[in-house]
PDB file of N, CA and C in Angstrom:
ATOM      1  N   MET A   1      97.386 124.093 100.504  1.00  0.00           N
ATOM      2  CA  MET A   1      97.486 123.276 101.859  1.00  0.00           C
ATOM      3  C   MET A   1      98.618 124.222 102.844  1.00  0.00           C
ATOM      4  N   ILE A   2      99.579 124.580 102.110  1.00  0.00           N
ATOM      5  CA  ILE A   2     100.724 124.916 103.108  1.00  0.00           C
ATOM      6  C   ILE A   2     100.312 125.775 104.161  1.00  0.00           C
ATOM      7  N   GLY A   3      99.244 126.589 103.914  1.00  0.00           N
ATOM      8  CA  GLY A   3      98.844 127.567 104.785  1.00  0.00           C
ATOM      9  C   GLY A   3      98.022 126.804 105.872  1.00  0.00           C
ATOM     10  N   LEU A   4      97.270 125.819 105.690  1.00  0.00           N
ATOM     11  CA  LEU A   4      96.444 125.222 106.483  1.00  0.00           C
ATOM     12  C   LEU A   4      97.450 124.171 107.304  1.00  0.00           C
ATOM     13  N   THR A   5      98.462 123.493 106.944  1.00  0.00           N
ATOM     14  CA  THR A   5      99.232 122.643 107.566  1.00  0.00           C
ATOM     15  C   THR A   5     100.573 123.031 108.079  1.00  0.00           C
ATOM     16  N   SER A   6     101.190 124.002 107.710  1.00  0.00           N
ATOM     17  CA  SER A   6     102.082 124.560 108.358  1.00  0.00           C
ATOM     18  C   SER A   6     103.269 123.565 108.208  1.00  0.00           C
ATOM     19  N   GLY A   7     103.326 123.004 107.086  1.00  0.00           N
ATOM     20  CA  GLY A   7     104.498 121.816 106.634  1.00  0.00           C
ATOM     21  C   GLY A   7     104.214 120.545 107.383  1.00  0.00           C
ATOM     22  N   LEU A   8     103.046 120.483 108.007  1.00  0.00           N
ATOM     23  CA  LEU A   8     102.595 119.209 108.353  1.00  0.00           C
ATOM     24  C   LEU A   8     101.876 118.535 107.282  1.00  0.00           C
ATOM     25  N   PRO A   9     102.089 117.197 107.196  1.00  0.00           N
ATOM     26  CA  PRO A   9     101.477 116.364 106.271  1.00  0.00           C
ATOM     27  C   PRO A   9      99.858 116.483 106.154  1.00  0.00           C
ATOM     28  N   LYS A  10      99.143 116.562 104.984  1.00  0.00           N
ATOM     29  CA  LYS A  10      97.840 116.755 104.938  1.00  0.00           C
ATOM     30  C   LYS A  10      97.053 115.750 105.579  1.00  0.00           C
ATOM     31  N   GLU A  11      97.694 114.362 105.778  1.00  0.00           N
ATOM     32  CA  GLU A  11      97.052 113.472 106.151  1.00  0.00           C
ATOM     33  C   GLU A  11      96.743 113.710 107.743  1.00  0.00           C
ATOM     34  N   LEU A  12      97.589 114.623 108.325  1.00  0.00           N
ATOM     35  CA  LEU A  12      97.325 114.749 109.611  1.00  0.00           C
ATOM     36  C   LEU A  12      96.484 115.941 110.164  1.00  0.00           C
ATOM     37  N   LEU A  13      95.766 116.493 109.048  1.00  0.00           N
ATOM     38  CA  LEU A  13      94.808 117.685 109.428  1.00  0.00           C
ATOM     39  C   LEU A  13      93.684 117.360 110.271  1.00  0.00           C
ATOM     40  N   ILE A  14      93.318 118.012 111.338  1.00  0.00           N
ATOM     41  CA  ILE A  14      92.382 117.531 112.269  1.00  0.00           C
ATOM     42  C   ILE A  14      90.803 117.713 111.724  1.00  0.00           C
ATOM     43  N   ALA A  15      90.093 116.793 111.597  1.00  0.00           N
ATOM     44  CA  ALA A  15      88.831 116.648 111.169  1.00  0.00           C
ATOM     45  C   ALA A  15      88.073 116.053 112.164  1.00  0.00           C
ATOM     46  N   GLY A  16      86.996 116.508 112.575  1.00  0.00           N
ATOM     47  CA  GLY A  16      86.453 116.073 113.569  1.00  0.00           C
ATOM     48  C   GLY A  16      87.028 115.622 114.813  1.00  0.00           C
ATOM     49  N   GLY A  17      88.135 116.323 115.442  1.00  0.00           N
ATOM     50  CA  GLY A  17      88.698 116.174 116.426  1.00  0.00           C
ATOM     51  C   GLY A  17      89.894 115.328 116.474  1.00  0.00           C
ATOM     52  N   LEU A  18      90.157 114.444 115.209  1.00  0.00           N
ATOM     53  CA  LEU A  18      91.204 113.451 115.098  1.00  0.00           C
ATOM     54  C   LEU A  18      91.750 113.902 113.849  1.00  0.00           C
ATOM     55  N   PRO A  19      93.259 113.295 113.692  1.00  0.00           N
ATOM     56  CA  PRO A  19      93.909 113.573 112.291  1.00  0.00           C
ATOM     57  C   PRO A  19      93.071 112.818 111.313  1.00  0.00           C
ATOM     58  N   ALA A  20      93.040 113.342 110.021  1.00  0.00           N
ATOM     59  CA  ALA A  20      92.059 112.492 108.981  1.00  0.00           C
ATOM     60  C   ALA A  20      92.617 110.766 108.782  1.00  0.00           C
ATOM     61  N   VAL A  21      94.035 110.834 109.007  1.00  0.00           N
ATOM     62  CA  VAL A  21      94.127 109.379 108.684  1.00  0.00           C
ATOM     63  C   VAL A  21      93.897 108.475 109.565  1.00  0.00           C
ATOM     64  N   GLU A  22      93.961 109.130 110.955  1.00  0.00           N
ATOM     65  CA  GLU A  22      93.158 108.186 112.169  1.00  0.00           C
ATOM     66  C   GLU A  22      91.793 107.772 111.834  1.00  0.00           C
ATOM     67  N   HIS A  23      90.997 108.685 111.378  1.00  0.00           N
ATOM     68  CA  HIS A  23      89.612 108.286 111.259  1.00  0.00           C
ATOM     69  C   HIS A  23      89.759 107.079 110.046  1.00  0.00           C
ATOM     70  N   VAL A  24      90.392 107.040 109.238  1.00  0.00           N
ATOM     71  CA  VAL A  24      90.531 105.902 108.239  1.00  0.00           C
ATOM     72  C   VAL A  24      91.031 104.647 109.010  1.00  0.00           C
ATOM     73  N   ALA A  25      91.998 104.696 109.873  1.00  0.00           N
ATOM     74  CA  ALA A  25      92.513 103.682 110.545  1.00  0.00           C
ATOM     75  C   ALA A  25      91.291 103.111 111.493  1.00  0.00           C
ATOM     76  N   ARG A  26      90.607 104.118 112.136  1.00  0.00           N
ATOM     77  CA  ARG A  26      89.496 103.466 112.954  1.00  0.00           C
ATOM     78  C   ARG A  26      88.420 102.893 112.291  1.00  0.00           C
ATOM     79  N   GLU A  27      88.164 103.114 110.974  1.00  0.00           N
ATOM     80  CA  GLU A  27      87.086 102.668 110.370  1.00  0.00           C
ATOM     81  C   GLU A  27      87.692 101.210 109.896  1.00  0.00           C
ATOM     82  N   CYS A  28      88.895 101.092 109.730  1.00  0.00           N
ATOM     83  CA  CYS A  28      89.225  99.745 109.288  1.00  0.00           C
ATOM     84  C   CYS A  28      88.935  98.856 110.377  1.00  0.00           C
ATOM     85  N   SER A  29      89.411  99.479 111.531  1.00  0.00           N
ATOM     86  CA  SER A  29      89.554  98.632 112.755  1.00  0.00           C
ATOM     87  C   SER A  29      87.828  98.107 113.152  1.00  0.00           C
ATOM     88  N   ALA A  30      86.927  99.266 112.974  1.00  0.00           N
ATOM     89  CA  ALA A  30      85.583  98.925 112.990  1.00  0.00           C
ATOM     90  C   ALA A  30      85.065  98.042 112.195  1.00  0.00           C
ATOM     91  N   SER A  31      85.626  97.820 111.188  1.00  0.00           N
ATOM     92  CA  SER A  31      85.121  96.785 109.908  1.00  0.00           C
ATOM     93  C   SER A  31      85.834  95.257 110.143  1.00  0.00           C
ATOM     94  N   GLY A  32      86.772  95.252 111.425  1.00  0.00           N
ATOM     95  CA  GLY A  32      87.180  93.793 111.687  1.00  0.00           C
ATOM     96  C   GLY A  32      88.888  93.844 111.204  1.00  0.00           C
ATOM     97  N   ILE A  33      89.233  94.867 110.460  1.00  0.00           N
ATOM     98  CA  ILE A  33      90.493  94.749 109.936  1.00  0.00           C
ATOM     99  C   ILE A  33      91.567  94.896 111.331  1.00  0.00           C
ATOM    100  N   THR A  34      92.368  93.839 111.514  1.00  0.00           N
ATOM    101  CA  THR A  34      93.290  93.998 112.656  1.00  0.00           C
ATOM    102  C   THR A  34      94.806  94.329 112.232  1.00  0.00           C
ATOM    103  N   ASP A  35      95.047  93.927 110.963  1.00  0.00           N
ATOM    104  CA  ASP A  35      96.487  94.542 110.543  1.00  0.00           C
ATOM    105  C   ASP A  35      96.196  95.365 109.495  1.00  0.00           C
ATOM    106  N   LEU A  36      97.037  96.620 109.558  1.00  0.00           N
ATOM    107  CA  LEU A  36      96.775  97.640 108.515  1.00  0.00           C
ATOM    108  C   LEU A  36      98.408  98.160 108.137  1.00  0.00           C
ATOM    109  N   MET A  37      98.455  98.271 106.660  1.00  0.00           N
ATOM    110  CA  MET A  37      99.761  98.835 106.217  1.00  0.00           C
ATOM    111  C   MET A  37      99.514 100.026 105.740  1.00  0.00           C
ATOM    112  N   ILE A  38     100.235 101.059 106.081  1.00  0.00           N
ATOM    113  CA  ILE A  38      99.936 102.378 105.472  1.00  0.00           C
ATOM    114  C   ILE A  38     101.313 102.760 104.676  1.00  0.00           C
ATOM    115  N   VAL A  39     100.925 103.115 103.487  1.00  0.00           N
ATOM    116  CA  VAL A  39     101.936 103.599 102.619  1.00  0.00           C
ATOM    117  C   VAL A  39     102.204 104.999 102.675  1.00  0.00           C
ATOM    118  N   ILE A  40     103.336 105.288 103.073  1.00  0.00           N
ATOM    119  CA  ILE A  40     103.828 106.960 102.957  1.00  0.00           C
ATOM    120  C   ILE A  40     104.909 107.322 102.087  1.00  0.00           C
ATOM    121  N   ALA A  41     104.920 108.506 101.839  1.00  0.00           N
ATOM    122  CA  ALA A  41     106.082 109.182 100.883  1.00  0.00           C
ATOM    123  C   ALA A  41     106.778 109.359 101.832  1.00  0.00           C
ATOM    124  N   PRO A  42     108.437 109.515 101.138  1.00  0.00           N
ATOM    125  CA  PRO A  42     109.606 109.991 101.990  1.00  0.00           C
ATOM    126  C   PRO A  42     109.253 111.407 102.617  1.00  0.00           C
ATOM    127  N   GLY A  43     109.588 111.587 103.718  1.00  0.00           N
ATOM    128  CA  GLY A  43     109.504 112.852 104.484  1.00  0.00           C
ATOM    129  C   GLY A  43     108.113 112.840 105.241  1.00  0.00           C
ATOM    130  N   LYS A  44     107.400 111.930 105.181  1.00  0.00           N
ATOM    131  CA  LYS A  44     105.982 111.898 106.046  1.00  0.00           C
ATOM    132  C   LYS A  44     106.172 110.952 107.213  1.00  0.00           C
ATOM    133  N   GLN A  45     107.337 111.067 107.909  1.00  0.00           N
ATOM    134  CA  GLN A  45     107.508 110.261 109.310  1.00  0.00           C
ATOM    135  C   GLN A  45     106.445 110.546 110.371  1.00  0.00           C
ATOM    136  N   ALA A  46     106.049 111.953 110.046  1.00  0.00           N
ATOM    137  CA  ALA A  46     105.182 112.214 111.284  1.00  0.00           C
ATOM    138  C   ALA A  46     103.810 111.399 111.183  1.00  0.00           C
ATOM    139  N   ILE A  47     103.424 110.767 110.360  1.00  0.00           N
ATOM    140  CA  ILE A  47     102.257 109.898 110.299  1.00  0.00           C
ATOM    141  C   ILE A  47     102.772 108.796 111.082  1.00  0.00           C
ATOM    142  N   GLU A  48     103.874 108.121 110.809  1.00  0.00           N
ATOM    143  CA  GLU A  48     104.037 107.067 111.494  1.00  0.00           C
ATOM    144  C   GLU A  48     104.459 107.270 112.924  1.00  0.00           C
ATOM    145  N   ALA A  49     105.045 108.495 113.457  1.00  0.00           N
ATOM    146  CA  ALA A  49     105.031 108.971 114.697  1.00  0.00           C
ATOM    147  C   ALA A  49     103.705 108.979 115.525  1.00  0.00           C
ATOM    148  N   LEU A  50     102.664 109.528 114.856  1.00  0.00           N
ATOM    149  CA  LEU A  50     101.263 109.445 115.293  1.00  0.00           C
ATOM    150  C   LEU A  50     100.727 108.195 115.812  1.00  0.00           C
ATOM    151  N   PHE A  51     100.957 107.453 114.835  1.00  0.00           N
ATOM    152  CA  PHE A  51     100.518 106.048 115.269  1.00  0.00           C
ATOM    153  C   PHE A  51     101.470 105.159 116.259  1.00  0.00           C
ATOM    154  N   ALA A  52     102.901 105.540 116.362  1.00  0.00           N
ATOM    155  CA  ALA A  52     103.708 105.033 117.415  1.00  0.00           C
ATOM    156  C   ALA A  52     103.169 105.573 118.831  1.00  0.00           C
ATOM    157  N   ARG A  53     102.723 106.935 118.803  1.00  0.00           N
ATOM    158  CA  ARG A  53     102.422 107.561 120.122  1.00  0.00           C
ATOM    159  C   ARG A  53     100.956 106.792 120.638  1.00  0.00           C
ATOM    160  N   ARG A  54     100.335 106.466 119.559  1.00  0.00           N
ATOM    161  CA  ARG A  54      98.933 105.932 120.015  1.00  0.00           C
ATOM    162  C   ARG A  54      98.803 104.423 119.879  1.00  0.00           C
ATOM    163  N   ALA A  55      99.929 103.767 119.945  1.00  0.00           N
ATOM    164  CA  ALA A  55     100.011 102.391 120.036  1.00  0.00           C
ATOM    165  C   ALA A  55      99.155 101.846 121.182  1.00  0.00           C
ATOM    166  N   GLY A  56      98.304 100.869 120.555  1.00  0.00           N
ATOM    167  CA  GLY A  56      97.573 100.095 121.767  1.00  0.00           C
ATOM    168  C   GLY A  56      96.187 100.915 122.233  1.00  0.00           C
ATOM    169  N   THR A  57      95.896 101.978 121.377  1.00  0.00           N
ATOM    170  CA  THR A  57      94.928 102.849 121.849  1.00  0.00           C
ATOM    171  C   THR A  57      93.701 102.058 121.168  1.00  0.00           C
ATOM    172  N   ALA A  58      92.516 102.049 122.079  1.00  0.00           N
ATOM    173  CA  ALA A  58      91.294 101.245 121.640  1.00  0.00           C
ATOM    174  C   ALA A  58      90.685 101.799 120.379  1.00  0.00           C
ATOM    175  N   GLY A  59      90.231 101.180 119.528  1.00  0.00           N
ATOM    176  CA  GLY A  59      89.603 101.703 118.285  1.00  0.00           C
ATOM    177  C   GLY A  59      90.543 101.521 117.065  1.00  0.00           C
ATOM    178  N   LEU A  60      91.842 101.248 117.359  1.00  0.00           N
ATOM    179  CA  LEU A  60      92.666 101.459 116.304  1.00  0.00           C
ATOM    180  C   LEU A  60      93.063  99.934 116.245  1.00  0.00           C
ATOM    181  N   PRO A  61      93.471  99.545 114.646  1.00  0.00           N
ATOM    182  CA  PRO A  61      93.785  98.065 114.187  1.00  0.00           C
ATOM    183  C   PRO A  61      94.858  97.991 115.283  1.00  0.00           C
ATOM    184  N   GLU A  62      95.096  96.353 115.536  1.00  0.00           N
ATOM    185  CA  GLU A  62      96.134  96.041 116.485  1.00  0.00           C
ATOM    186  C   GLU A  62      97.476  96.154 116.085  1.00  0.00           C
ATOM    187  N   ARG A  63      97.678  95.977 114.730  1.00  0.00           N
ATOM    188  CA  ARG A  63      99.049  95.979 114.159  1.00  0.00           C
ATOM    189  C   ARG A  63      98.931  96.951 112.851  1.00  0.00           C
ATOM    190  N   ILE A  64      99.764  98.205 113.027  1.00  0.00           N
ATOM    191  CA  ILE A  64      99.812  99.114 112.011  1.00  0.00           C
ATOM    192  C   ILE A  64     101.343  99.051 111.605  1.00  0.00           C
ATOM    193  N   VAL A  65     101.634  98.769 110.087  1.00  0.00           N
ATOM    194  CA  VAL A  65     102.783  98.922 109.814  1.00  0.00           C
ATOM    195  C   VAL A  65     103.101  99.889 108.486  1.00  0.00           C
ATOM    196  N   PHE A  66     104.167 100.171 108.474  1.00  0.00           N
ATOM    197  CA  PHE A  66     104.313 101.386 107.297  1.00  0.00           C
ATOM    198  C   PHE A  66     105.279 101.019 106.184  1.00  0.00           C
ATOM    199  N   THR A  67     105.246 101.392 104.959  1.00  0.00           N
ATOM    200  CA  THR A  67     106.114 101.364 103.843  1.00  0.00           C
ATOM    201  C   THR A  67     106.154 102.533 103.185  1.00  0.00           C
ATOM    202  N   VAL A  68     107.296 102.699 102.821  1.00  0.00           N
ATOM    203  CA  VAL A  68     107.599 104.004 101.933  1.00  0.00           C
ATOM    204  C   VAL A  68     107.412 103.960 100.434  1.00  0.00           C
ATOM    205  N   GLN A  69     106.872 104.545  99.802  1.00  0.00           N
ATOM    206  CA  GLN A  69     106.818 104.462  98.460  1.00  0.00           C
ATOM    207  C   GLN A  69     107.828 105.670  97.928  1.00  0.00           C
ATOM    208  N   ARG A  70     108.926 105.112  97.607  1.00  0.00           N
ATOM    209  CA  ARG A  70     110.310 106.109  97.189  1.00  0.00           C
ATOM    210  C   ARG A  70     109.719 107.124  95.914  1.00  0.00           C
ATOM    211  N   GLU A  71     109.219 106.568  94.949  1.00  0.00           N
ATOM    212  CA  GLU A  71     108.915 107.376  93.961  1.00  0.00           C
ATOM    213  C   GLU A  71     107.136 107.332  93.698  1.00  0.00           C
ATOM    214  N   PRO A  72     106.830 108.463  93.557  1.00  0.00           N
ATOM    215  CA  PRO A  72     105.149 108.641  93.344  1.00  0.00           C
ATOM    216  C   PRO A  72     104.637 107.813  92.071  1.00  0.00           C
ATOM    217  N   ARG A  73     104.025 106.661  92.070  1.00  0.00           N
ATOM    218  CA  ARG A  73     103.821 106.089  90.918  1.00  0.00           C
ATOM    219  C   ARG A  73     102.304 105.650  90.885  1.00  0.00           C
ATOM    220  N   GLY A  74     101.391 106.616  91.710  1.00  0.00           N
ATOM    221  CA  GLY A  74     100.106 106.448  92.058  1.00  0.00           C
ATOM    222  C   GLY A  74      99.628 105.272  92.689  1.00  0.00           C
ATOM    223  N   LEU A  75      98.280 105.246  92.738  1.00  0.00           N
ATOM    224  CA  LEU A  75      97.693 104.211  93.935  1.00  0.00           C
ATOM    225  C   LEU A  75      97.970 102.837  93.685  1.00  0.00           C
ATOM    226  N   ALA A  76      97.915 102.334  92.407  1.00  0.00           N
ATOM    227  CA  ALA A  76      97.990 101.096  92.012  1.00  0.00           C
ATOM    228  C   ALA A  76      99.459 100.551  92.458  1.00  0.00           C
ATOM    229  N   ASP A  77     100.572 101.330  92.487  1.00  0.00           N
ATOM    230  CA  ASP A  77     101.745 100.915  92.767  1.00  0.00           C
ATOM    231  C   ASP A  77     101.776 100.972  94.393  1.00  0.00           C
ATOM    232  N   ALA A  78     101.253 101.895  94.913  1.00  0.00           N
ATOM    233  CA  ALA A  78     101.029 101.718  96.281  1.00  0.00           C
ATOM    234  C   ALA A  78     100.492 100.490  96.872  1.00  0.00           C
ATOM    235  N   ILE A  79      99.507  99.961  96.363  1.00  0.00           N
ATOM    236  CA  ILE A  79      98.729  99.047  96.673  1.00  0.00           C
ATOM    237  C   ILE A  79      99.543  97.595  96.403  1.00  0.00           C
ATOM    238  N   ARG A  80     100.193  97.755  95.415  1.00  0.00           N
ATOM    239  CA  ARG A  80     101.315  96.696  95.063  1.00  0.00           C
ATOM    240  C   ARG A  80     102.199  96.538  96.262  1.00  0.00           C
ATOM    241  N   LEU A  81     102.740  97.612  96.729  1.00  0.00           N
ATOM    242  CA  LEU A  81     103.897  97.426  97.907  1.00  0.00           C
ATOM    243  C   LEU A  81     103.251  96.636  99.008  1.00  0.00           C
TER     244      LEU A  81
END
């Protein structure tokens, strides 16, 4: 993936004109979810910066917050956060 991302988190790869993680956030909003928590790994602040730039954009949840999973312990631990 390094060749594709040039150091950019893979969640920010462009798919269909938008970063992949933004598609997920938009699907959440379309499903009626207004508050979204995104769990990121240390060093992936670029994901948080993306949504900071797009705050208030139509089609995104009203409130997006971030939490950092300090040690990779899998999906169940991330959900527990």
